[in-house]
């Protein structure tokens, strides 16, 4: 192989290093090959769920109870087990746990144990038509339902979605004036 042919081979190799990924991406987009169809959210969008301030609860929540993201769950079914499950999920958030609060909504007929640490408890004044027993909601800091889950949802799915929401919505930087 002559010196000129080696130089040409090097140039073609360099062009291939940059052109092959572009060609592969174009083929993927044009013919929809190799593009995953997986969903990122495990919950369902719940446009029928009103803002938290419009929920028919027996008493309103204080501002400290709704400071940040909220994991609200209906405690009509197997309440103590559900409360423990969502408490463990909250702890699994690690350093991000301070950005999330839990709201346990008891059935008006039900009397259960004391609230777990970091948990606000309320009762339904009346059962809303959009609520099903055992349902779980993730609410934004503005009090809007972002995702909802049916009873019996895998807690790891909720944890995955909650981590994704916290990652996509970082805490605002507060500036200290001095």
Protein backbone atom coordinates (compact mmCIF):
# COMPACT_ATOMS: atom_id res chain seq x y z
CA UNK A 1 0.00 0.00 0.00
CA UNK A 2 1.42 3.31 -0.99
CA UNK A 3 1.61 6.39 1.15
CA UNK A 4 -1.15 8.05 -0.90
CA UNK A 5 -3.52 5.08 -0.45
CA UNK A 6 -2.91 5.07 3.33
CA UNK A 7 -3.78 8.76 3.49
CA UNK A 8 -6.97 8.16 1.51
CA UNK A 9 -7.93 5.28 3.83
CA UNK A 10 -7.39 7.52 6.88
CA UNK A 11 -9.56 10.23 5.33
CA UNK A 12 -12.35 7.75 4.49
CA UNK A 13 -12.18 6.33 8.04
CA UNK A 14 -12.47 9.81 9.52
CA UNK A 15 -15.46 10.62 7.30
CA UNK A 16 -17.10 7.29 8.27
CA UNK A 17 -16.69 8.01 11.99
CA UNK A 18 -18.86 11.12 11.59
CA UNK A 19 -21.17 10.02 8.76
CA UNK A 20 -22.27 6.57 9.98
CA UNK A 21 -24.03 7.85 13.16
CA UNK A 22 -25.83 10.52 11.14
CA UNK A 23 -26.90 7.95 8.57
CA UNK A 24 -28.08 5.58 11.33
CA UNK A 25 -30.10 8.35 13.00
CA UNK A 26 -31.70 9.32 9.69
CA UNK A 27 -32.69 5.66 9.02
CA UNK A 28 -34.17 5.40 12.54
CA UNK A 29 -36.26 8.53 12.06
CA UNK A 30 -37.39 7.84 8.49
CA UNK A 31 -38.31 4.17 8.89
CA UNK A 32 -39.05 4.19 12.65
CA UNK A 33 -36.49 1.44 13.29
CA UNK A 34 -35.03 0.92 16.75
CA UNK A 35 -37.02 3.69 18.42
CA UNK A 36 -38.40 2.51 21.78
CA UNK A 37 -42.15 2.85 22.26
CA UNK A 38 -41.96 2.59 26.05
CA UNK A 39 -43.80 5.03 28.30
CA UNK A 40 -42.01 6.98 30.94
CA UNK A 41 -44.95 7.53 33.31
CA UNK A 42 -46.66 4.62 35.00
CA UNK A 43 -49.60 6.65 36.27
CA UNK A 44 -52.51 8.14 34.36
CA UNK A 45 -53.24 11.78 33.71
CA UNK A 46 -56.26 12.81 35.76
CA UNK A 47 -57.84 15.93 34.25
CA UNK A 48 -61.11 15.21 36.06
CA UNK A 49 -59.46 15.61 39.49
CA UNK A 50 -59.95 19.18 40.72
CA UNK A 51 -57.28 21.27 42.42
CA UNK A 52 -56.55 20.28 46.02
CA UNK A 53 -58.27 23.40 47.39
CA UNK A 54 -61.55 22.11 45.85
CA UNK A 55 -61.37 18.62 47.38
CA UNK A 56 -64.25 17.86 49.77
CA UNK A 57 -62.12 17.41 52.90
CA UNK A 58 -63.48 17.94 56.40
CA UNK A 59 -60.84 20.59 57.13
CA UNK A 60 -58.40 22.57 55.01
CA UNK A 61 -54.70 21.85 54.95
CA UNK A 62 -52.25 24.33 56.45
CA UNK A 63 -49.62 25.87 54.15
CA UNK A 64 -46.85 23.80 55.78
CA UNK A 65 -48.76 20.57 55.04
CA UNK A 66 -48.87 21.32 51.31
CA UNK A 67 -45.44 22.92 50.91
CA UNK A 68 -44.00 21.23 47.80
CA UNK A 69 -45.08 18.09 45.99
CA UNK A 70 -47.81 16.01 47.60
CA UNK A 71 -48.43 12.28 47.58
CA UNK A 72 -52.12 11.96 48.47
CA UNK A 73 -53.73 8.58 48.97
CA UNK A 74 -57.23 7.42 49.73
CA UNK A 75 -57.12 5.19 52.78
CA UNK A 76 -60.42 3.35 52.37
CA UNK A 77 -58.82 -0.06 51.87
CA UNK A 78 -56.31 -1.71 54.25
CA UNK A 79 -55.36 1.67 55.66
CA UNK A 80 -52.50 0.86 58.02
CA UNK A 81 -50.68 -1.24 55.40
CA UNK A 82 -51.09 1.49 52.77
CA UNK A 83 -49.88 4.21 55.13
CA UNK A 84 -46.77 2.18 55.92
CA UNK A 85 -46.15 1.47 52.23
CA UNK A 86 -46.31 5.15 51.25
CA UNK A 87 -44.18 6.13 54.28
CA UNK A 88 -41.49 3.69 53.09
CA UNK A 89 -41.72 5.10 49.55
CA UNK A 90 -41.29 8.60 50.98
CA UNK A 91 -38.16 7.50 52.83
CA UNK A 92 -36.82 5.87 49.63
CA UNK A 93 -36.65 9.33 48.03
CA UNK A 94 -33.54 10.01 50.12
CA UNK A 95 -32.42 13.64 50.10
CA UNK A 96 -35.39 14.58 47.88
CA UNK A 97 -37.87 13.45 50.58
CA UNK A 98 -38.01 16.98 52.01
CA UNK A 99 -39.63 18.18 48.77
CA UNK A 100 -42.58 15.79 49.13
CA UNK A 101 -45.38 15.64 51.70
CA UNK A 102 -47.92 12.86 52.26
CA UNK A 103 -51.66 13.33 52.68
CA UNK A 104 -53.62 10.39 54.04
CA UNK A 105 -57.34 10.73 53.40
CA UNK A 106 -59.35 8.44 55.65
CA UNK A 107 -62.84 7.20 55.00
CA UNK A 108 -65.36 9.10 57.10
CA UNK A 109 -66.49 5.85 58.77
CA UNK A 110 -62.99 4.62 59.56
CA UNK A 111 -60.94 5.07 62.71
CA UNK A 112 -57.29 4.06 62.43
CA UNK A 113 -53.95 4.43 64.21
CA UNK A 114 -52.02 7.64 64.78
CA UNK A 115 -50.47 9.32 61.72
CA UNK A 116 -46.98 8.29 60.70
CA UNK A 117 -44.17 10.89 60.79
CA UNK A 118 -44.52 13.56 58.12
CA UNK A 119 -48.07 12.59 57.27
CA UNK A 120 -51.07 14.93 57.22
CA UNK A 121 -54.43 13.25 57.83
CA UNK A 122 -57.85 14.38 56.75
CA UNK A 123 -61.23 12.78 56.16
CA UNK A 124 -63.55 13.06 53.21
CA UNK A 125 -66.47 15.33 54.10
CA UNK A 126 -68.27 13.48 51.30
CA UNK A 127 -66.92 10.99 48.79
CA UNK A 128 -66.25 12.78 45.49
CA UNK A 129 -67.47 11.21 42.25
CA UNK A 130 -63.95 11.21 40.75
CA UNK A 131 -62.45 9.20 43.63
CA UNK A 132 -62.17 5.40 43.78
CA UNK A 133 -61.16 3.52 46.95
CA UNK A 134 -57.41 3.08 47.36
CA UNK A 135 -56.46 5.58 44.66
CA UNK A 136 -53.17 7.52 44.86
CA UNK A 137 -52.37 10.94 43.39
CA UNK A 138 -49.21 12.95 42.89
CA UNK A 139 -50.02 16.65 43.18
CA UNK A 140 -47.82 19.53 42.04
CA UNK A 141 -46.79 22.33 44.42
CA UNK A 142 -49.71 24.32 42.96
CA UNK A 143 -52.14 21.63 44.17
CA UNK A 144 -52.95 20.17 40.74
CA UNK A 145 -53.15 16.40 40.20
CA UNK A 146 -50.27 15.42 37.91
CA UNK A 147 -50.69 11.64 37.95
CA UNK A 148 -53.15 9.20 39.45
CA UNK A 149 -52.84 5.51 40.22
CA UNK A 150 -55.41 2.81 40.81
CA UNK A 151 -55.56 0.80 44.03
CA UNK A 152 -52.91 -1.88 44.23
CA UNK A 153 -50.33 0.00 42.17
CA UNK A 154 -46.73 -1.15 42.47
CA UNK A 155 -44.99 1.36 44.78
CA UNK A 156 -41.85 1.17 42.64
CA UNK A 157 -43.83 2.58 39.70
CA UNK A 158 -44.96 5.53 41.83
CA UNK A 159 -41.41 6.00 43.13
CA UNK A 160 -40.05 5.98 39.58
CA UNK A 161 -42.57 8.61 38.45
CA UNK A 162 -42.02 10.76 41.53
CA UNK A 163 -38.24 10.72 41.08
CA UNK A 164 -38.69 11.67 37.43
CA UNK A 165 -40.97 14.59 38.37
CA UNK A 166 -38.54 15.83 41.00
CA UNK A 167 -35.62 15.56 38.58
CA UNK A 168 -37.50 17.45 35.85
CA UNK A 169 -38.67 20.14 38.30
CA UNK A 170 -35.64 21.18 40.35
CA UNK A 171 -36.00 23.31 43.42
CA UNK A 172 -35.86 27.02 42.68
CA UNK A 173 -32.65 28.66 43.83
CA UNK A 174 -33.33 31.07 46.68
CA UNK A 175 -30.96 34.00 46.87
CA UNK A 176 -29.98 35.35 50.23
CA UNK A 177 -29.77 39.11 50.22
CA UNK A 178 -27.27 40.61 52.52
